Amino acid sequence: MTDTRRYKTPRGFDDLIMVSDGEALTGLWFEGSRNAPDLHPDVGAREPPVLRETRRWLDAYFSGRQPDFTPPYRIDDLTPFRRDVVDAMLAIPFGATATYGDIAAAIARKRGLAKMSAQAVGQAVGWNPICIIVPCHRVVGAAGALVGYGGGIRNKIALLRLEGVERTAIGPDTNFDALRERLARSRFRSRFKLSAADRAYVARKGWETLRAQAEKIVRERLAPAAPRNDGSQTPMRGHPVFIAQHATATCCRGCLAKWHGIPAGRPLGENEIASIVAVQLAWIREAAGDLTGFPKQAMLGI
């Protein structure tokens, strides 16, 4: 019988959904992930030992260390290729990352092939039904780019930061630390600040609303191959996301090409949209600073 339970994560992460058949852990997803099941726990039933052991593992992990044990788990529907990808993910140490290309090259060598598709590796990584324990969050794009993650880019960033990995990239050759330094050298970009009204808005609306608004703005105003009024479609004020767009040079397709190496003339991919939103929200979090003076403080845990 399937048993589904919630694990309450620390601030800054979405909660986790644990699934067990009573003997092994069969699924672990961030709540809201595209493959996460609905939560229908039998509150009167005793939690299976394997889920109690999974809780203990997660407690240790979220304390900032790699646990020295692993709860029993089973991954169904493993093809030989998926098994190779899972084995490669399990080999990535706590606090380290590997790229999709790295994994593809390793599997190609193992199989005696000239090359292997990094895209196929990405599909297998995204399919992984047991997050964190099988560390798909440690797989990144070329040059450390934090491309798509089924559990949400925010959770991927938070997991890597928990492990001491600070890279947050939105383009193929740009990480967030380097981007911040470049932006600081621009008199135009560095002049953008959040007003008291903007900070109050952030505190009042909170993370989820702000993230949804940022994604909507990016999808409507940046994602098309030829956005309407490109170059003048982003107001200079009126919403924290508009200000973040100018501050992070994600305000038009020309700036995306110049600052982030994302070519104009084609639609943005899902990974690019998610990463652009993550960078805008990271800037907002830093620019907002201490929000304790405002009501309903936002939980921008990225």
Protein backbone atom coordinates (compact mmCIF):
# COMPACT_ATOMS: atom_id res chain seq x y z
CA MET A 1 0.00 0.00 0.00
CA THR A 2 1.32 3.43 -0.94
CA ASP A 3 1.95 5.83 1.93
CA THR A 4 2.41 9.53 1.14
CA ARG A 5 3.67 12.03 3.75
CA ARG A 6 4.94 15.59 3.92
CA TYR A 7 8.38 16.54 5.22
CA LYS A 8 8.54 20.08 6.58
CA THR A 9 11.71 21.69 5.25
CA PRO A 10 13.61 24.66 6.72
CA ARG A 11 12.77 28.18 5.65
CA GLY A 12 13.82 28.86 2.08
CA PHE A 13 12.71 25.51 0.63
CA ASP A 14 9.39 24.13 -0.50
CA ASP A 15 8.21 21.17 1.59
CA LEU A 16 8.93 17.64 0.37
CA ILE A 17 6.53 14.82 -0.46
CA MET A 18 7.74 11.34 0.56
CA VAL A 19 6.20 8.20 -0.95
CA SER A 20 6.72 4.63 0.24
CA ASP A 21 5.31 1.18 -0.48
CA GLY A 22 5.90 0.29 3.17
CA GLU A 23 9.27 -1.31 2.52
CA ALA A 24 11.22 1.24 0.48
CA LEU A 25 11.14 4.92 -0.39
CA THR A 26 9.73 5.09 -3.94
CA GLY A 27 9.43 8.82 -4.42
CA LEU A 28 10.75 12.11 -3.02
CA TRP A 29 9.66 15.36 -4.63
CA PHE A 30 9.41 19.01 -3.71
CA GLU A 31 5.78 19.92 -3.24
CA GLY A 32 4.49 21.44 -6.45
CA SER A 33 6.97 19.58 -8.66
CA ARG A 34 5.56 18.52 -11.98
CA ASN A 35 5.66 14.81 -11.06
CA ALA A 36 4.80 15.09 -7.37
CA PRO A 37 1.71 13.11 -6.30
CA ASP A 38 -1.20 14.58 -4.41
CA LEU A 39 -0.80 14.37 -0.65
CA HIS A 40 -3.42 12.06 0.89
CA PRO A 41 -1.84 10.73 4.10
CA ASP A 42 -3.67 8.30 6.32
CA VAL A 43 -3.26 10.41 9.45
CA GLY A 44 -4.47 7.55 11.62
CA ALA A 45 -1.89 5.10 10.33
CA ARG A 46 1.56 4.69 11.81
CA GLU A 47 4.28 6.05 9.55
CA PRO A 48 6.35 3.26 7.95
CA PRO A 49 9.86 2.84 9.37
CA VAL A 50 11.41 3.68 5.99
CA LEU A 51 9.76 7.12 6.02
CA ARG A 52 10.92 7.73 9.59
CA GLU A 53 14.44 6.85 8.42
CA THR A 54 14.02 9.18 5.43
CA ARG A 55 13.04 11.98 7.82
CA ARG A 56 16.19 11.30 9.82
CA TRP A 57 18.28 11.44 6.62
CA LEU A 58 16.66 14.73 5.59
CA ASP A 59 17.16 16.21 9.07
CA ALA A 60 20.88 15.48 8.77
CA TYR A 61 21.09 16.80 5.22
CA PHE A 62 19.32 20.08 5.97
CA SER A 63 21.68 20.59 8.92
CA GLY A 64 24.35 21.11 6.25
CA ARG A 65 26.13 17.78 5.99
CA GLN A 66 26.06 14.61 3.93
CA PRO A 67 24.36 11.88 6.02
CA ASP A 68 26.42 8.77 6.70
CA PHE A 69 23.55 6.40 5.87
CA THR A 70 20.91 6.06 3.15
CA PRO A 71 17.30 4.98 3.66
CA PRO A 72 16.21 2.01 1.53
CA TYR A 73 14.83 3.25 -1.78
CA ARG A 74 13.66 1.75 -5.04
CA ILE A 75 13.49 3.39 -8.44
CA ASP A 76 10.98 1.76 -10.76
CA ASP A 77 11.09 1.78 -14.57
CA LEU A 78 14.87 2.02 -14.74
CA THR A 79 16.24 1.51 -18.24
CA PRO A 80 19.97 0.75 -18.61
CA PHE A 81 20.54 4.36 -19.70
CA ARG A 82 18.63 5.78 -16.75
CA ARG A 83 20.62 3.49 -14.45
CA ASP A 84 23.86 4.91 -15.88
CA VAL A 85 22.63 8.45 -15.28
CA VAL A 86 21.47 7.65 -11.73
CA ASP A 87 24.86 6.07 -10.98
CA ALA A 88 26.59 9.18 -12.33
CA MET A 89 24.47 11.46 -10.13
CA LEU A 90 25.18 9.33 -7.06
CA ALA A 91 28.89 9.74 -7.75
CA ILE A 92 28.77 13.56 -7.47
CA PRO A 93 30.03 14.46 -3.97
CA PHE A 94 28.24 16.76 -1.53
CA GLY A 95 29.22 20.34 -2.38
CA ALA A 96 30.27 19.54 -5.97
CA THR A 97 28.55 19.72 -9.35
CA ALA A 98 28.82 18.03 -12.73
CA THR A 99 27.47 19.17 -16.08
CA TYR A 100 25.11 17.28 -18.36
CA GLY A 101 28.01 17.16 -20.82
CA ASP A 102 30.31 15.63 -18.19
CA ILE A 103 27.81 12.84 -17.54
CA ALA A 104 27.20 12.28 -21.25
CA ALA A 105 30.94 11.99 -21.89
CA ALA A 106 31.40 9.55 -18.98
CA ILE A 107 28.57 7.31 -20.20
CA ALA A 108 29.95 7.42 -23.74
CA ARG A 109 33.36 6.27 -22.47
CA LYS A 110 31.74 3.51 -20.41
CA ARG A 111 29.85 2.25 -23.46
CA GLY A 112 32.71 2.67 -25.91
CA LEU A 113 30.88 5.32 -27.91
CA ALA A 114 32.28 8.38 -29.63
CA LYS A 115 29.72 10.64 -27.95
CA MET A 116 26.45 10.69 -26.02
CA SER A 117 23.64 13.24 -26.12
CA ALA A 118 23.73 15.72 -23.24
CA GLN A 119 20.06 16.42 -23.98
CA ALA A 120 19.22 12.75 -23.37
CA VAL A 121 21.09 12.97 -20.09
CA GLY A 122 19.04 16.04 -19.19
CA GLN A 123 15.81 14.15 -19.80
CA ALA A 124 16.96 11.28 -17.58
CA VAL A 125 18.07 13.68 -14.84
CA GLY A 126 14.69 15.43 -14.97
CA TRP A 127 12.91 12.07 -14.72
CA ASN A 128 14.61 11.21 -11.40
CA PRO A 129 11.82 10.36 -8.90
CA ILE A 130 13.96 10.59 -5.73
CA CYS A 131 15.40 14.06 -5.39
CA ILE A 132 18.26 15.08 -3.06
CA ILE A 133 19.12 11.49 -2.10
CA VAL A 134 19.78 10.90 -5.79
CA PRO A 135 21.26 14.39 -6.22
CA CYS A 136 19.91 15.65 -9.53
CA HIS A 137 20.28 19.20 -8.17
CA ARG A 138 24.06 18.83 -8.53
CA VAL A 139 23.81 18.53 -12.31
CA VAL A 140 24.24 21.91 -14.00
CA GLY A 141 24.56 23.31 -17.49
CA ALA A 142 27.68 24.35 -19.32
CA ALA A 143 29.93 26.72 -17.35
CA GLY A 144 27.84 26.08 -14.24
CA ALA A 145 24.57 27.44 -15.63
CA LEU A 146 21.65 26.62 -13.35
CA VAL A 147 19.22 25.41 -15.95
CA GLY A 148 15.87 23.72 -15.33
CA TYR A 149 15.04 21.68 -12.26
CA GLY A 150 11.79 19.75 -11.80
CA GLY A 151 11.61 20.87 -8.18
CA GLY A 152 11.94 24.55 -9.13
CA ILE A 153 15.02 26.69 -9.73
CA ARG A 154 14.60 28.35 -6.33
CA ASN A 155 14.98 24.98 -4.57
CA LYS A 156 17.95 24.03 -6.74
CA ILE A 157 19.72 27.28 -5.85
CA ALA A 158 18.94 26.80 -2.17
CA LEU A 159 20.18 23.18 -2.14
CA LEU A 160 23.47 24.12 -3.79
CA ARG A 161 23.96 27.05 -1.43
CA LEU A 162 23.28 24.73 1.51
CA GLU A 163 26.14 22.58 0.20
CA GLY A 164 28.40 25.60 -0.26
CA VAL A 165 28.01 26.01 -4.02
CA GLU A 166 27.38 29.67 -4.80
CA ARG A 167 27.21 29.69 -8.60
CA THR A 168 23.96 30.91 -10.12
CA ALA A 169 24.12 31.35 -13.90
CA ILE A 170 21.55 32.44 -16.44
CA GLY A 171 23.54 32.23 -19.63
CA PRO A 172 26.05 29.76 -21.07
CA ASP A 173 29.07 31.76 -19.95
CA THR A 174 27.79 33.96 -17.11
CA ASN A 175 27.49 33.20 -13.41
CA PHE A 176 25.65 35.42 -10.98
CA ASP A 177 28.71 36.49 -8.96
CA ALA A 178 30.50 37.62 -12.12
CA LEU A 179 27.31 39.25 -13.37
CA ARG A 180 26.93 41.20 -10.13
CA GLU A 181 30.47 42.53 -10.48
CA ARG A 182 29.90 43.53 -14.11
CA LEU A 183 26.62 45.25 -13.26
CA ALA A 184 28.31 47.19 -10.46
CA ARG A 185 30.73 48.66 -13.02
CA SER A 186 27.84 50.02 -15.09
CA ARG A 187 26.74 53.49 -13.99
CA PHE A 188 23.34 52.88 -15.58
CA ARG A 189 22.67 49.42 -14.09
CA SER A 190 24.03 50.20 -10.63
CA ARG A 191 21.78 53.22 -10.18
CA PHE A 192 18.64 51.11 -9.79
CA LYS A 193 17.36 50.72 -6.22
CA LEU A 194 14.13 49.61 -4.58
CA SER A 195 12.16 52.42 -2.96
CA ALA A 196 10.47 52.09 0.42
CA ALA A 197 7.20 51.51 -1.45
CA ASP A 198 8.81 48.76 -3.53
CA ARG A 199 10.21 47.07 -0.42
CA ALA A 200 6.81 47.27 1.29
CA TYR A 201 5.27 45.66 -1.81
CA VAL A 202 7.80 42.83 -1.66
CA ALA A 203 7.09 42.26 2.03
CA ARG A 204 3.34 42.38 1.52
CA LYS A 205 3.11 40.13 -1.53
CA GLY A 206 5.74 37.54 -0.60
CA TRP A 207 7.84 35.13 -2.60
CA GLU A 208 5.29 33.07 -4.49
CA THR A 209 3.33 36.05 -5.79
CA LEU A 210 6.49 37.89 -6.81
CA ARG A 211 7.87 34.83 -8.58
CA ALA A 212 4.60 34.34 -10.47
CA GLN A 213 4.55 38.01 -11.48
CA ALA A 214 8.19 37.90 -12.66
CA GLU A 215 7.55 34.78 -14.74
CA LYS A 216 4.45 36.33 -16.32
CA ILE A 217 6.37 39.48 -17.22
CA VAL A 218 9.26 37.52 -18.73
CA ARG A 219 6.97 35.22 -20.70
CA GLU A 220 4.90 38.07 -22.11
CA ARG A 221 7.56 40.72 -22.69
CA LEU A 222 10.82 38.82 -23.31
CA ALA A 223 10.16 35.22 -24.32
CA PRO A 224 8.84 35.74 -27.88
CA ALA A 225 11.38 35.71 -30.69
CA ALA A 226 10.41 39.29 -31.58
CA PRO A 227 8.83 40.97 -28.53
CA ARG A 228 6.60 43.94 -29.18
CA ASN A 229 8.45 47.26 -28.73
CA ASP A 230 11.63 45.42 -27.81
CA GLY A 231 14.05 47.82 -26.19
CA SER A 232 11.33 50.01 -24.72
CA GLN A 233 8.84 47.48 -23.36
CA THR A 234 10.03 47.65 -19.74
CA PRO A 235 9.02 50.69 -17.62
CA MET A 236 11.67 52.26 -15.39
CA ARG A 237 9.41 52.12 -12.33
CA GLY A 238 6.06 50.87 -11.08
CA HIS A 239 6.93 47.32 -10.03
CA PRO A 240 9.96 45.71 -8.30
CA VAL A 241 10.34 43.27 -11.21
CA PHE A 242 10.61 46.14 -13.73
CA ILE A 243 13.41 47.65 -11.64
CA ALA A 244 15.12 44.26 -11.31
CA GLN A 245 14.95 43.79 -15.08
CA HIS A 246 16.90 47.00 -15.67
CA ALA A 247 19.29 46.34 -12.78
CA THR A 248 20.15 42.84 -14.07
CA ALA A 249 20.12 43.70 -17.80
CA THR A 250 17.18 41.39 -18.44
CA CYS A 251 14.89 44.16 -19.71
CA CYS A 252 15.02 43.44 -23.46
CA ARG A 253 16.40 40.94 -25.94
CA GLY A 254 19.26 43.24 -26.84
CA CYS A 255 20.44 43.34 -23.22
CA LEU A 256 20.01 39.58 -22.89
CA ALA A 257 22.28 39.12 -25.89
CA LYS A 258 24.85 41.71 -24.77
CA TRP A 259 25.06 40.81 -21.08
CA HIS A 260 24.06 37.15 -20.95
CA GLY A 261 24.88 35.64 -24.32
CA ILE A 262 21.24 34.69 -25.03
CA PRO A 263 20.73 35.27 -28.76
CA ALA A 264 17.91 37.46 -30.04
CA GLY A 265 15.61 36.35 -32.83
CA ARG A 266 14.41 33.09 -31.27
CA PRO A 267 11.98 32.28 -28.45
CA LEU A 268 13.44 31.83 -25.00
CA GLY A 269 13.61 28.24 -23.75
CA GLU A 270 11.98 27.13 -20.52
CA ASN A 271 15.38 26.82 -18.80
CA GLU A 272 16.30 30.36 -19.86
CA ILE A 273 12.99 31.75 -18.59
CA ALA A 274 13.40 30.02 -15.23
CA SER A 275 16.99 31.20 -14.85
CA ILE A 276 16.19 34.80 -15.80
CA VAL A 277 13.42 34.87 -13.21
CA ALA A 278 15.78 33.40 -10.59
CA VAL A 279 18.37 36.13 -11.21
CA GLN A 280 15.75 38.89 -11.03
CA LEU A 281 14.44 37.57 -7.74
CA ALA A 282 17.96 37.14 -6.36
CA TRP A 283 18.60 40.83 -7.11
CA ILE A 284 15.29 41.81 -5.47
CA ARG A 285 16.18 39.86 -2.34
CA GLU A 286 19.53 41.63 -2.03
CA ALA A 287 18.06 45.04 -2.87
CA ALA A 288 15.15 44.63 -0.44
CA GLY A 289 17.47 43.99 2.50
CA ASP A 290 15.91 43.92 5.97
CA LEU A 291 12.12 43.78 5.61
CA THR A 292 11.27 43.46 9.29
CA GLY A 293 9.95 47.02 9.36
CA PHE A 294 7.18 46.12 6.96
CA PRO A 295 4.08 44.01 7.62
CA LYS A 296 3.88 40.41 6.36
CA GLN A 297 7.59 40.02 5.76
CA ALA A 298 8.34 38.16 2.55
CA MET A 299 10.14 34.81 2.74
CA LEU A 300 12.57 35.20 -0.12
CA GLY A 301 14.66 32.18 0.70
CA ILE A 302 16.89 31.86 -2.32
